[in-house]
Structures are given as C-alpha cells and as structure tokens.
Amino acid sequence: MAWQDVEHNWTERKMRVRAKWTRLSNEDLDFIAGSRDKLISKIQQHYVRGRDEAETELNSWLANRHH
C-alpha cells in the first residue's frame, strides 16, 4: 500500500493504523489526519523509537499491506 492511499483515505485507513499501533488514541489519530510525519512522530512518542526506527516500521507495514 502506498502512503498516498492511506493519506487520501484516512477516515477508512486510520483503523488499520490503530490495529497496528494500538497505543495510539483516537485523539492521536485525529491529530495525525493522514500526515506521515505526524504518524512517525506519534510512533516515536508512544513506542519510544528513534525517527529512523519508526520510519522503517511504517515502511515495513506499508509494504506488507496488500490493499
């Protein structure tokens, strides 16, 4: 799945994001609002990851999504 798909369909895709990163709250998802950078920042914050690690985790998740 490409990030553009997530961004343009955020209302639908945010539940998949939440299923992967369960520590994200509804408020976090509203704040992220389809922004890749904001999601990476929230992954860093809630999972104590460096930016590179959070970005790698996100890229891996995107690569393994088939639709």
PDB file of N, CA and C in Angstrom:
ATOM      1  N   MET A   1       0.852  -1.166   0.000  1.00  0.00           N
ATOM      2  CA  MET A   1       0.000   0.000   0.000  1.00  0.00           C
ATOM      3  C   MET A   1       0.898   1.229   0.000  1.00  0.00           C
ATOM      4  N   ALA A   2       0.559   2.178  -0.809  1.00  0.00           N
ATOM      5  CA  ALA A   2       1.322   3.421  -0.853  1.00  0.00           C
ATOM      6  C   ALA A   2       0.782   4.384   0.198  1.00  0.00           C
ATOM      7  N   TRP A   3       1.670   5.226   0.715  1.00  0.00           N
ATOM      8  CA  TRP A   3       1.233   6.184   1.725  1.00  0.00           C
ATOM      9  C   TRP A   3       0.125   7.074   1.182  1.00  0.00           C
ATOM     10  N   GLN A   4       0.156   7.418  -0.092  1.00  0.00           N
ATOM     11  CA  GLN A   4      -0.871   8.281  -0.668  1.00  0.00           C
ATOM     12  C   GLN A   4      -2.261   7.674  -0.486  1.00  0.00           C
ATOM     13  N   ASP A   5      -2.353   6.353  -0.562  1.00  0.00           N
ATOM     14  CA  ASP A   5      -3.631   5.681  -0.331  1.00  0.00           C
ATOM     15  C   ASP A   5      -4.092   5.890   1.107  1.00  0.00           C
ATOM     16  N   VAL A   6      -3.178   5.779   2.039  1.00  0.00           N
ATOM     17  CA  VAL A   6      -3.507   5.996   3.450  1.00  0.00           C
ATOM     18  C   VAL A   6      -3.938   7.444   3.652  1.00  0.00           C
ATOM     19  N   GLU A   7      -3.152   8.358   3.125  1.00  0.00           N
ATOM     20  CA  GLU A   7      -3.418   9.789   3.297  1.00  0.00           C
ATOM     21  C   GLU A   7      -4.775  10.188   2.714  1.00  0.00           C
ATOM     22  N   HIS A   8      -5.057   9.751   1.495  1.00  0.00           N
ATOM     23  CA  HIS A   8      -6.289  10.160   0.818  1.00  0.00           C
ATOM     24  C   HIS A   8      -7.531   9.447   1.349  1.00  0.00           C
ATOM     25  N   ASN A   9      -7.338   8.353   2.028  1.00  0.00           N
ATOM     26  CA  ASN A   9      -8.462   7.591   2.592  1.00  0.00           C
ATOM     27  C   ASN A   9      -8.315   7.458   4.107  1.00  0.00           C
ATOM     28  N   TRP A  10      -7.834   8.507   4.740  1.00  0.00           N
ATOM     29  CA  TRP A  10      -7.506   8.466   6.158  1.00  0.00           C
ATOM     30  C   TRP A  10      -8.671   7.987   7.017  1.00  0.00           C
ATOM     31  N   THR A  11      -9.870   8.476   6.742  1.00  0.00           N
ATOM     32  CA  THR A  11     -11.021   8.101   7.559  1.00  0.00           C
ATOM     33  C   THR A  11     -11.194   6.587   7.608  1.00  0.00           C
ATOM     34  N   GLU A  12     -10.954   5.918   6.488  1.00  0.00           N
ATOM     35  CA  GLU A  12     -11.069   4.460   6.438  1.00  0.00           C
ATOM     36  C   GLU A  12      -9.800   3.766   6.929  1.00  0.00           C
ATOM     37  N   ARG A  13      -8.659   4.294   6.578  1.00  0.00           N
ATOM     38  CA  ARG A  13      -7.381   3.630   6.857  1.00  0.00           C
ATOM     39  C   ARG A  13      -6.902   3.791   8.298  1.00  0.00           C
ATOM     40  N   LYS A  14      -7.392   4.801   8.996  1.00  0.00           N
ATOM     41  CA  LYS A  14      -6.866   5.035  10.350  1.00  0.00           C
ATOM     42  C   LYS A  14      -7.127   3.866  11.294  1.00  0.00           C
ATOM     43  N   MET A  15      -8.167   3.071  11.036  1.00  0.00           N
ATOM     44  CA  MET A  15      -8.421   1.915  11.891  1.00  0.00           C
ATOM     45  C   MET A  15      -7.373   0.830  11.663  1.00  0.00           C
ATOM     46  N   ARG A  16      -6.858   0.718  10.441  1.00  0.00           N
ATOM     47  CA  ARG A  16      -5.753  -0.214  10.187  1.00  0.00           C
ATOM     48  C   ARG A  16      -4.493   0.260  10.902  1.00  0.00           C
ATOM     49  N   VAL A  17      -4.285   1.561  10.895  1.00  0.00           N
ATOM     50  CA  VAL A  17      -3.139   2.139  11.611  1.00  0.00           C
ATOM     51  C   VAL A  17      -3.285   1.842  13.098  1.00  0.00           C
ATOM     52  N   ARG A  18      -4.472   2.045  13.623  1.00  0.00           N
ATOM     53  CA  ARG A  18      -4.723   1.800  15.048  1.00  0.00           C
ATOM     54  C   ARG A  18      -4.561   0.322  15.387  1.00  0.00           C
ATOM     55  N   ALA A  19      -4.939  -0.567  14.480  1.00  0.00           N
ATOM     56  CA  ALA A  19      -4.783  -2.004  14.721  1.00  0.00           C
ATOM     57  C   ALA A  19      -3.309  -2.377  14.833  1.00  0.00           C
ATOM     58  N   LYS A  20      -2.459  -1.701  14.080  1.00  0.00           N
ATOM     59  CA  LYS A  20      -1.013  -1.964  14.127  1.00  0.00           C
ATOM     60  C   LYS A  20      -0.381  -1.314  15.353  1.00  0.00           C
ATOM     61  N   TRP A  21      -0.711  -0.054  15.598  1.00  0.00           N
ATOM     62  CA  TRP A  21      -0.127   0.706  16.704  1.00  0.00           C
ATOM     63  C   TRP A  21      -1.230   1.002  17.713  1.00  0.00           C
ATOM     64  N   THR A  22      -1.490   0.023  18.575  1.00  0.00           N
ATOM     65  CA  THR A  22      -2.636   0.078  19.483  1.00  0.00           C
ATOM     66  C   THR A  22      -2.525   1.138  20.572  1.00  0.00           C
ATOM     67  N   ARG A  23      -1.351   1.664  20.786  1.00  0.00           N
ATOM     68  CA  ARG A  23      -1.194   2.707  21.802  1.00  0.00           C
ATOM     69  C   ARG A  23      -1.664   4.075  21.315  1.00  0.00           C
ATOM     70  N   LEU A  24      -1.944   4.194  20.038  1.00  0.00           N
ATOM     71  CA  LEU A  24      -2.434   5.463  19.501  1.00  0.00           C
ATOM     72  C   LEU A  24      -3.890   5.647  19.911  1.00  0.00           C
ATOM     73  N   SER A  25      -4.203   6.819  20.427  1.00  0.00           N
ATOM     74  CA  SER A  25      -5.568   7.125  20.847  1.00  0.00           C
ATOM     75  C   SER A  25      -6.364   7.709  19.681  1.00  0.00           C
ATOM     76  N   ASN A  26      -7.664   7.829  19.882  1.00  0.00           N
ATOM     77  CA  ASN A  26      -8.494   8.491  18.868  1.00  0.00           C
ATOM     78  C   ASN A  26      -8.034   9.926  18.653  1.00  0.00           C
ATOM     79  N   GLU A  27      -7.617  10.576  19.734  1.00  0.00           N
ATOM     80  CA  GLU A  27      -7.109  11.943  19.627  1.00  0.00           C
ATOM     81  C   GLU A  27      -5.834  11.978  18.786  1.00  0.00           C
ATOM     82  N   ASP A  28      -4.968  10.988  18.970  1.00  0.00           N
ATOM     83  CA  ASP A  28      -3.753  10.897  18.149  1.00  0.00           C
ATOM     84  C   ASP A  28      -4.121  10.757  16.675  1.00  0.00           C
ATOM     85  N   LEU A  29      -5.073   9.877  16.391  1.00  0.00           N
ATOM     86  CA  LEU A  29      -5.474   9.651  15.005  1.00  0.00           C
ATOM     87  C   LEU A  29      -6.072  10.911  14.389  1.00  0.00           C
ATOM     88  N   ASP A  30      -6.852  11.650  15.173  1.00  0.00           N
ATOM     89  CA  ASP A  30      -7.400  12.919  14.681  1.00  0.00           C
ATOM     90  C   ASP A  30      -6.284  13.919  14.424  1.00  0.00           C
ATOM     91  N   PHE A  31      -5.297  13.954  15.304  1.00  0.00           N
ATOM     92  CA  PHE A  31      -4.148  14.850  15.140  1.00  0.00           C
ATOM     93  C   PHE A  31      -3.342  14.480  13.897  1.00  0.00           C
ATOM     94  N   ILE A  32      -3.122  13.201  13.686  1.00  0.00           N
ATOM     95  CA  ILE A  32      -2.325  12.725  12.549  1.00  0.00           C
ATOM     96  C   ILE A  32      -2.992  13.105  11.231  1.00  0.00           C
ATOM     97  N   ALA A  33      -4.289  12.877  11.136  1.00  0.00           N
ATOM     98  CA  ALA A  33      -5.108  13.301   9.985  1.00  0.00           C
ATOM     99  C   ALA A  33      -4.459  12.996   8.632  1.00  0.00           C
ATOM    100  N   GLY A  34      -3.816  11.838   8.524  1.00  0.00           N
ATOM    101  CA  GLY A  34      -3.225  11.436   7.251  1.00  0.00           C
ATOM    102  C   GLY A  34      -1.809  11.904   7.013  1.00  0.00           C
ATOM    103  N   SER A  35      -1.206  12.583   7.979  1.00  0.00           N
ATOM    104  CA  SER A  35       0.163  13.086   7.824  1.00  0.00           C
ATOM    105  C   SER A  35       1.176  12.009   8.206  1.00  0.00           C
ATOM    106  N   ARG A  36       1.996  11.637   7.266  1.00  0.00           N
ATOM    107  CA  ARG A  36       3.039  10.635   7.511  1.00  0.00           C
ATOM    108  C   ARG A  36       3.980  11.095   8.628  1.00  0.00           C
ATOM    109  N   ASP A  37       4.420  12.334   8.565  1.00  0.00           N
ATOM    110  CA  ASP A  37       5.342  12.851   9.580  1.00  0.00           C
ATOM    111  C   ASP A  37       4.727  12.836  10.971  1.00  0.00           C
ATOM    112  N   LYS A  38       3.449  13.184  11.064  1.00  0.00           N
ATOM    113  CA  LYS A  38       2.785  13.174  12.370  1.00  0.00           C
ATOM    114  C   LYS A  38       2.647  11.748  12.899  1.00  0.00           C
ATOM    115  N   LEU A  39       2.368  10.798  12.011  1.00  0.00           N
ATOM    116  CA  LEU A  39       2.280   9.399  12.449  1.00  0.00           C
ATOM    117  C   LEU A  39       3.633   8.923  12.950  1.00  0.00           C
ATOM    118  N   ILE A  40       4.677   9.215  12.226  1.00  0.00           N
ATOM    119  CA  ILE A  40       6.022   8.821  12.659  1.00  0.00           C
ATOM    120  C   ILE A  40       6.325   9.424  14.025  1.00  0.00           C
ATOM    121  N   SER A  41       5.974  10.674  14.209  1.00  0.00           N
ATOM    122  CA  SER A  41       6.198  11.347  15.489  1.00  0.00           C
ATOM    123  C   SER A  41       5.442  10.656  16.622  1.00  0.00           C
ATOM    124  N   LYS A  42       4.203  10.275  16.371  1.00  0.00           N
ATOM    125  CA  LYS A  42       3.408   9.601  17.405  1.00  0.00           C
ATOM    126  C   LYS A  42       3.933   8.190  17.690  1.00  0.00           C
ATOM    127  N   ILE A  43       4.416   7.498  16.670  1.00  0.00           N
ATOM    128  CA  ILE A  43       5.038   6.186  16.898  1.00  0.00           C
ATOM    129  C   ILE A  43       6.264   6.371  17.786  1.00  0.00           C
ATOM    130  N   GLN A  44       7.063   7.375  17.489  1.00  0.00           N
ATOM    131  CA  GLN A  44       8.243   7.662  18.313  1.00  0.00           C
ATOM    132  C   GLN A  44       7.831   7.915  19.760  1.00  0.00           C
ATOM    133  N   GLN A  45       6.824   8.736  19.933  1.00  0.00           N
ATOM    134  CA  GLN A  45       6.383   9.139  21.269  1.00  0.00           C
ATOM    135  C   GLN A  45       5.823   7.964  22.072  1.00  0.00           C
ATOM    136  N   HIS A  46       4.928   7.201  21.485  1.00  0.00           N
ATOM    137  CA  HIS A  46       4.236   6.144  22.225  1.00  0.00           C
ATOM    138  C   HIS A  46       5.023   4.846  22.333  1.00  0.00           C
ATOM    139  N   TYR A  47       5.980   4.633  21.441  1.00  0.00           N
ATOM    140  CA  TYR A  47       6.725   3.374  21.429  1.00  0.00           C
ATOM    141  C   TYR A  47       8.215   3.569  21.689  1.00  0.00           C
ATOM    142  N   VAL A  48       8.604   4.776  22.060  1.00  0.00           N
ATOM    143  CA  VAL A  48       9.989   5.118  22.380  1.00  0.00           C
ATOM    144  C   VAL A  48      10.934   4.587  21.300  1.00  0.00           C
ATOM    145  N   ARG A  49      10.720   5.083  20.113  1.00  0.00           N
ATOM    146  CA  ARG A  49      11.536   4.716  18.957  1.00  0.00           C
ATOM    147  C   ARG A  49      12.239   5.958  18.430  1.00  0.00           C
ATOM    148  N   GLY A  50      13.400   5.756  17.838  1.00  0.00           N
ATOM    149  CA  GLY A  50      14.045   6.835  17.111  1.00  0.00           C
ATOM    150  C   GLY A  50      13.307   7.060  15.804  1.00  0.00           C
ATOM    151  N   ARG A  51      13.537   8.203  15.181  1.00  0.00           N
ATOM    152  CA  ARG A  51      12.836   8.515  13.928  1.00  0.00           C
ATOM    153  C   ARG A  51      13.098   7.453  12.860  1.00  0.00           C
ATOM    154  N   ASP A  52      14.359   7.052  12.693  1.00  0.00           N
ATOM    155  CA  ASP A  52      14.689   6.059  11.666  1.00  0.00           C
ATOM    156  C   ASP A  52      13.967   4.742  11.920  1.00  0.00           C
ATOM    157  N   GLU A  53      13.938   4.320  13.169  1.00  0.00           N
ATOM    158  CA  GLU A  53      13.276   3.062  13.515  1.00  0.00           C
ATOM    159  C   GLU A  53      11.767   3.150  13.266  1.00  0.00           C
ATOM    160  N   ALA A  54      11.162   4.269  13.653  1.00  0.00           N
ATOM    161  CA  ALA A  54       9.726   4.456  13.435  1.00  0.00           C
ATOM    162  C   ALA A  54       9.406   4.484  11.945  1.00  0.00           C
ATOM    163  N   GLU A  55      10.254   5.136  11.175  1.00  0.00           N
ATOM    164  CA  GLU A  55      10.055   5.216   9.730  1.00  0.00           C
ATOM    165  C   GLU A  55      10.197   3.839   9.072  1.00  0.00           C
ATOM    166  N   THR A  56      11.183   3.068   9.515  1.00  0.00           N
ATOM    167  CA  THR A  56      11.383   1.717   8.995  1.00  0.00           C
ATOM    168  C   THR A  56      10.179   0.836   9.316  1.00  0.00           C
ATOM    169  N   GLU A  57       9.673   0.962  10.533  1.00  0.00           N
ATOM    170  CA  GLU A  57       8.500   0.186  10.948  1.00  0.00           C
ATOM    171  C   GLU A  57       7.285   0.545  10.079  1.00  0.00           C
ATOM    172  N   LEU A  58       7.086   1.829   9.831  1.00  0.00           N
ATOM    173  CA  LEU A  58       5.978   2.273   8.991  1.00  0.00           C
ATOM    174  C   LEU A  58       6.142   1.767   7.559  1.00  0.00           C
ATOM    175  N   ASN A  59       7.332   1.883   7.017  1.00  0.00           N
ATOM    176  CA  ASN A  59       7.580   1.412   5.649  1.00  0.00           C
ATOM    177  C   ASN A  59       7.338  -0.086   5.521  1.00  0.00           C
ATOM    178  N   SER A  60       7.740  -0.842   6.528  1.00  0.00           N
ATOM    179  CA  SER A  60       7.519  -2.289   6.527  1.00  0.00           C
ATOM    180  C   SER A  60       6.026  -2.602   6.554  1.00  0.00           C
ATOM    181  N   TRP A  61       5.294  -1.892   7.391  1.00  0.00           N
ATOM    182  CA  TRP A  61       3.846  -2.082   7.471  1.00  0.00           C
ATOM    183  C   TRP A  61       3.191  -1.773   6.128  1.00  0.00           C
ATOM    184  N   LEU A  62       3.589  -0.674   5.511  1.00  0.00           N
ATOM    185  CA  LEU A  62       3.033  -0.299   4.208  1.00  0.00           C
ATOM    186  C   LEU A  62       3.343  -1.350   3.147  1.00  0.00           C
ATOM    187  N   ALA A  63       4.558  -1.877   3.158  1.00  0.00           N
ATOM    188  CA  ALA A  63       4.976  -2.863   2.160  1.00  0.00           C
ATOM    189  C   ALA A  63       4.206  -4.176   2.290  1.00  0.00           C
ATOM    190  N   ASN A  64       3.753  -4.474   3.496  1.00  0.00           N
ATOM    191  CA  ASN A  64       3.057  -5.736   3.733  1.00  0.00           C
ATOM    192  C   ASN A  64       1.543  -5.627   3.632  1.00  0.00           C
ATOM    193  N   ARG A  65       1.039  -4.444   3.328  1.00  0.00           N
ATOM    194  CA  ARG A  65      -0.403  -4.246   3.135  1.00  0.00           C
ATOM    195  C   ARG A  65      -0.712  -4.513   1.671  1.00  0.00           C
ATOM    196  N   HIS A  66      -1.652  -5.361   1.411  1.00  0.00           N
ATOM    197  CA  HIS A  66      -1.954  -5.717   0.025  1.00  0.00           C
ATOM    198  C   HIS A  66      -3.095  -4.912  -0.558  1.00  0.00           C
ATOM    199  N   HIS A  67      -3.865  -4.252   0.286  1.00  0.00           N
ATOM    200  CA  HIS A  67      -4.960  -3.406  -0.213  1.00  0.00           C
ATOM    201  C   HIS A  67      -5.398  -2.466   0.860  1.00  0.00           C
TER     202      HIS A  67
END
